[in-house]
C-alpha atoms as a PDB file:
ATOM      1  CA  MET A   1       0.000   0.000   0.000  1.00  0.00           C
ATOM      2  CA  LEU A   2       2.780   2.443   0.943  1.00  0.00           C
ATOM      3  CA  ASP A   3       4.631   1.634  -2.306  1.00  0.00           C
ATOM      4  CA  GLU A   4       1.526   2.387  -4.363  1.00  0.00           C
ATOM      5  CA  PHE A   5       1.020   5.652  -2.482  1.00  0.00           C
ATOM      6  CA  TYR A   6       4.597   6.772  -3.094  1.00  0.00           C
ATOM      7  CA  ARG A   7       4.400   5.904  -6.795  1.00  0.00           C
ATOM      8  CA  ALA A   8       1.199   7.975  -7.108  1.00  0.00           C
ATOM      9  CA  PHE A   9       2.879  10.777  -5.137  1.00  0.00           C
ATOM     10  CA  GLU A  10       5.881  10.757  -7.516  1.00  0.00           C
ATOM     11  CA  ASP A  11       3.624  10.716 -10.577  1.00  0.00           C
ATOM     12  CA  ARG A  12       1.597  13.642  -9.297  1.00  0.00           C
ATOM     13  CA  TYR A  13       4.295  15.895  -7.866  1.00  0.00           C
ATOM     14  CA  ARG A  14       7.452  14.953  -9.736  1.00  0.00           C
ATOM     15  CA  GLY A  15       5.711  14.159 -12.992  1.00  0.00           C
ATOM     16  CA  LYS A  16       4.875  11.261 -15.238  1.00  0.00           C
ATOM     17  CA  ARG A  17       7.734   9.237 -16.703  1.00  0.00           C
ATOM     18  CA  GLU A  18       7.383  10.792 -20.175  1.00  0.00           C
ATOM     19  CA  TYR A  19       7.515  14.317 -18.737  1.00  0.00           C
ATOM     20  CA  ILE A  20      10.652  13.606 -16.693  1.00  0.00           C
ATOM     21  CA  LYS A  21      12.381  12.090 -19.729  1.00  0.00           C
ATOM     22  CA  LEU A  22      11.464  15.132 -21.812  1.00  0.00           C
ATOM     23  CA  ARG A  23      12.897  17.488 -19.161  1.00  0.00           C
ATOM     24  CA  GLN A  24      16.088  15.473 -18.786  1.00  0.00           C
ATOM     25  CA  SER A  25      16.605  15.191 -22.541  1.00  0.00           C
ATOM     26  CA  ILE A  26      18.259  18.637 -22.498  1.00  0.00           C
ATOM     27  CA  TYR A  27      21.374  16.926 -21.092  1.00  0.00           C
ATOM     28  CA  LEU A  28      21.501  14.264 -23.793  1.00  0.00           C
ATOM     29  CA  PRO A  29      23.559  16.277 -26.349  1.00  0.00           C
ATOM     30  CA  PHE A  30      26.361  16.658 -23.792  1.00  0.00           C
ATOM     31  CA  ILE A  31      26.476  12.916 -23.178  1.00  0.00           C
ATOM     32  CA  LYS A  32      26.295  12.143 -26.903  1.00  0.00           C
ATOM     33  CA  THR A  33      29.282  14.424 -27.516  1.00  0.00           C
ATOM     34  CA  LEU A  34      31.265  12.531 -24.884  1.00  0.00           C
ATOM     35  CA  GLN A  35      30.254   9.219 -26.473  1.00  0.00           C
ATOM     36  CA  LYS A  36      31.929  10.335 -29.700  1.00  0.00           C
ATOM     37  CA  ILE A  37      35.168  10.837 -27.786  1.00  0.00           C
ATOM     38  CA  TYR A  38      34.755   7.802 -25.513  1.00  0.00           C
ATOM     39  CA  PRO A  39      32.636   5.262 -27.455  1.00  0.00           C
ATOM     40  CA  GLU A  40      32.864   2.706 -24.640  1.00  0.00           C
ATOM     41  CA  GLY A  41      32.141   5.322 -21.994  1.00  0.00           C
ATOM     42  CA  GLU A  42      29.748   4.740 -19.139  1.00  0.00           C
ATOM     43  CA  VAL A  43      27.442   6.962 -17.120  1.00  0.00           C
ATOM     44  CA  LEU A  44      26.573   6.534 -13.445  1.00  0.00           C
ATOM     45  CA  ASP A  45      23.284   8.015 -12.261  1.00  0.00           C
ATOM     46  CA  ILE A  46      23.198   8.621  -8.518  1.00  0.00           C
ATOM     47  CA  GLY A  47      19.711   8.586  -7.021  1.00  0.00           C
ATOM     48  CA  CYS A  48      18.316   7.051 -10.196  1.00  0.00           C
ATOM     49  CA  GLY A  49      14.832   6.623  -8.747  1.00  0.00           C
ATOM     50  CA  ARG A  50      12.381   5.204 -11.297  1.00  0.00           C
ATOM     51  CA  GLY A  51      15.106   5.303 -13.959  1.00  0.00           C
ATOM     52  CA  GLU A  52      13.779   7.852 -16.436  1.00  0.00           C
ATOM     53  CA  TRP A  53      17.271   9.186 -17.208  1.00  0.00           C
ATOM     54  CA  LEU A  54      18.705   5.676 -17.480  1.00  0.00           C
ATOM     55  CA  GLU A  55      15.912   4.723 -19.852  1.00  0.00           C
ATOM     56  CA  LEU A  56      16.648   7.773 -22.007  1.00  0.00           C
ATOM     57  CA  LEU A  57      20.333   6.857 -22.119  1.00  0.00           C
ATOM     58  CA  LYS A  58      19.494   3.245 -23.003  1.00  0.00           C
ATOM     59  CA  GLU A  59      17.236   4.438 -25.838  1.00  0.00           C
ATOM     60  CA  ASN A  60      20.261   6.330 -27.183  1.00  0.00           C
ATOM     61  CA  ASN A  61      22.643   3.350 -26.899  1.00  0.00           C
ATOM     62  CA  ILE A  62      24.610   4.881 -24.050  1.00  0.00           C
ATOM     63  CA  LYS A  63      25.854   2.469 -21.402  1.00  0.00           C
ATOM     64  CA  ALA A  64      24.626   3.543 -17.992  1.00  0.00           C
ATOM     65  CA  SER A  65      23.877   2.231 -14.541  1.00  0.00           C
ATOM     66  CA  GLY A  66      22.174   3.707 -11.546  1.00  0.00           C
ATOM     67  CA  VAL A  67      22.122   3.532  -7.784  1.00  0.00           C
ATOM     68  CA  ASP A  68      19.460   4.493  -5.282  1.00  0.00           C
ATOM     69  CA  ILE A  69      18.671   3.750  -1.655  1.00  0.00           C
ATOM     70  CA  ASP A  70      14.923   3.350  -2.306  1.00  0.00           C
ATOM     71  CA  LYS A  71      14.134  -0.321  -3.020  1.00  0.00           C
ATOM     72  CA  TYR A  72      10.690   0.466  -4.390  1.00  0.00           C
ATOM     73  CA  MET A  73      12.008   2.962  -6.922  1.00  0.00           C
ATOM     74  CA  LEU A  74      14.664   0.457  -7.945  1.00  0.00           C
ATOM     75  CA  ASN A  75      11.957  -2.135  -8.557  1.00  0.00           C
ATOM     76  CA  VAL A  76      10.258   0.272 -10.968  1.00  0.00           C
ATOM     77  CA  ALA A  77      13.569   0.831 -12.766  1.00  0.00           C
ATOM     78  CA  LYS A  78      14.189  -2.922 -12.917  1.00  0.00           C
ATOM     79  CA  ASP A  79      10.757  -3.389 -14.486  1.00  0.00           C
ATOM     80  CA  TYR A  80      12.114  -1.309 -17.379  1.00  0.00           C
ATOM     81  CA  GLY A  81      15.152  -3.575 -17.688  1.00  0.00           C
ATOM     82  CA  LEU A  82      17.587  -0.970 -16.375  1.00  0.00           C
ATOM     83  CA  ASP A  83      20.958  -1.666 -14.734  1.00  0.00           C
ATOM     84  CA  VAL A  84      20.390  -0.497 -11.158  1.00  0.00           C
ATOM     85  CA  LYS A  85      21.421  -1.522  -7.671  1.00  0.00           C
ATOM     86  CA  GLU A  86      20.702  -0.518  -4.114  1.00  0.00           C
ATOM     87  CA  SER A  87      23.514   1.679  -2.849  1.00  0.00           C
ATOM     88  CA  ASP A  88      24.246   5.258  -1.928  1.00  0.00           C
ATOM     89  CA  GLY A  89      26.098   7.447  -4.386  1.00  0.00           C
ATOM     90  CA  LEU A  90      29.149   8.204  -2.292  1.00  0.00           C
ATOM     91  CA  SER A  91      29.874   4.550  -1.458  1.00  0.00           C
ATOM     92  CA  THR A  92      29.408   3.623  -5.087  1.00  0.00           C
ATOM     93  CA  LEU A  93      31.770   6.330  -6.312  1.00  0.00           C
ATOM     94  CA  LYS A  94      34.403   5.242  -3.787  1.00  0.00           C
ATOM     95  CA  SER A  95      34.293   1.722  -5.261  1.00  0.00           C
ATOM     96  CA  ILE A  96      34.967   2.887  -8.831  1.00  0.00           C
ATOM     97  CA  LYS A  97      38.457   3.154 -10.277  1.00  0.00           C
ATOM     98  CA  ASP A  98      39.977   6.481 -11.330  1.00  0.00           C
ATOM     99  CA  ASN A  99      39.210   7.940 -14.777  1.00  0.00           C
ATOM    100  CA  SER A 100      36.623   5.315 -15.660  1.00  0.00           C
ATOM    101  CA  LEU A 101      33.302   7.130 -16.238  1.00  0.00           C
ATOM    102  CA  THR A 102      32.337   9.648 -18.897  1.00  0.00           C
ATOM    103  CA  ALA A 103      29.611  11.171 -16.750  1.00  0.00           C
ATOM    104  CA  VAL A 104      28.176  11.123 -13.259  1.00  0.00           C
ATOM    105  CA  THR A 105      24.654  12.458 -12.876  1.00  0.00           C
ATOM    106  CA  ALA A 106      22.483  13.225  -9.865  1.00  0.00           C
ATOM    107  CA  PHE A 107      18.987  14.616 -10.379  1.00  0.00           C
ATOM    108  CA  HIS A 108      17.267  15.984  -7.275  1.00  0.00           C
ATOM    109  CA  VAL A 109      19.758  14.338  -4.927  1.00  0.00           C
ATOM    110  CA  VAL A 110      22.192  16.949  -3.638  1.00  0.00           C
ATOM    111  CA  GLU A 111      19.531  18.879  -1.734  1.00  0.00           C
ATOM    112  CA  HIS A 112      19.058  15.779   0.443  1.00  0.00           C
ATOM    113  CA  ILE A 113      22.630  15.341   1.648  1.00  0.00           C
ATOM    114  CA  PRO A 114      24.771  17.313   4.108  1.00  0.00           C
ATOM    115  CA  PHE A 115      27.146  19.858   2.601  1.00  0.00           C
ATOM    116  CA  GLU A 116      30.261  17.964   3.737  1.00  0.00           C
ATOM    117  CA  SER A 117      28.989  14.821   2.015  1.00  0.00           C
ATOM    118  CA  LEU A 118      28.256  16.852  -1.107  1.00  0.00           C
ATOM    119  CA  LEU A 119      31.840  18.105  -1.193  1.00  0.00           C
ATOM    120  CA  GLU A 120      33.094  14.538  -0.846  1.00  0.00           C
ATOM    121  CA  LEU A 121      30.721  13.338  -3.572  1.00  0.00           C
ATOM    122  CA  ILE A 122      32.020  16.020  -5.948  1.00  0.00           C
ATOM    123  CA  ALA A 123      35.640  15.111  -5.184  1.00  0.00           C
ATOM    124  CA  GLU A 124      34.932  11.421  -5.816  1.00  0.00           C
ATOM    125  CA  ALA A 125      33.087  12.224  -9.044  1.00  0.00           C
ATOM    126  CA  LYS A 126      36.077  14.255 -10.228  1.00  0.00           C
ATOM    127  CA  ARG A 127      38.349  11.332  -9.461  1.00  0.00           C
ATOM    128  CA  VAL A 128      36.331   8.756 -11.423  1.00  0.00           C
ATOM    129  CA  LEU A 129      35.640  10.956 -14.461  1.00  0.00           C
ATOM    130  CA  VAL A 130      37.725  10.725 -17.620  1.00  0.00           C
ATOM    131  CA  ASP A 131      39.386  13.864 -18.987  1.00  0.00           C
ATOM    132  CA  GLY A 132      36.558  16.118 -20.125  1.00  0.00           C
ATOM    133  CA  GLY A 133      33.979  13.984 -18.309  1.00  0.00           C
ATOM    134  CA  LEU A 134      30.832  15.587 -16.922  1.00  0.00           C
ATOM    135  CA  LEU A 135      29.281  15.882 -13.510  1.00  0.00           C
ATOM    136  CA  ILE A 136      25.642  16.875 -13.944  1.00  0.00           C
ATOM    137  CA  MET A 137      23.691  17.723 -10.809  1.00  0.00           C
ATOM    138  CA  GLU A 138      20.181  19.117 -10.989  1.00  0.00           C
ATOM    139  CA  THR A 139      18.436  20.500  -7.939  1.00  0.00           C
ATOM    140  CA  PRO A 140      15.169  22.399  -7.466  1.00  0.00           C
ATOM    141  CA  ASN A 141      15.312  26.175  -7.458  1.00  0.00           C
ATOM    142  CA  PRO A 142      13.594  27.414  -4.267  1.00  0.00           C
ATOM    143  CA  GLU A 143      13.138  30.833  -5.891  1.00  0.00           C
ATOM    144  CA  ASN A 144      10.765  29.258  -8.409  1.00  0.00           C
ATOM    145  CA  ILE A 145       7.284  29.637  -6.911  1.00  0.00           C
ATOM    146  CA  LYS A 146       6.075  26.361  -8.446  1.00  0.00           C
ATOM    147  CA  VAL A 147       9.001  24.423  -6.970  1.00  0.00           C
ATOM    148  CA  SER A 148       8.833  26.033  -3.543  1.00  0.00           C
ATOM    149  CA  THR A 149       5.116  25.307  -3.150  1.00  0.00           C
END
């Protein structure tokens, strides 16, 4: 029951899957450019949730995996055949070798972690990214009346 409630809550207040994918598609050209330079490159999505971004990457033949601490959200992502696992972003980054990812993404994650942990996450992302790799973090803008309400 709680899982169904949370899914309905996400659909209503975060948006339907198609809407999220449309919003996140603005980042796709940056990843596609990196794929030309690093054809075997991989993307890690921290806080992947339902997997909309991972699905978009998969549709564009970009290798990607995601981590999240919410088992229910991971089950939704798994239903779409996405490569996800239960883990927090910082622990996952610490387990990855240097210069091995083309991009690290985190949509609506950083506002949920303490500042010190955010600094550590950024340092770890820098370590695992290839030369020219991207760290993309999206967070709500509290000055936007729609977001803040």
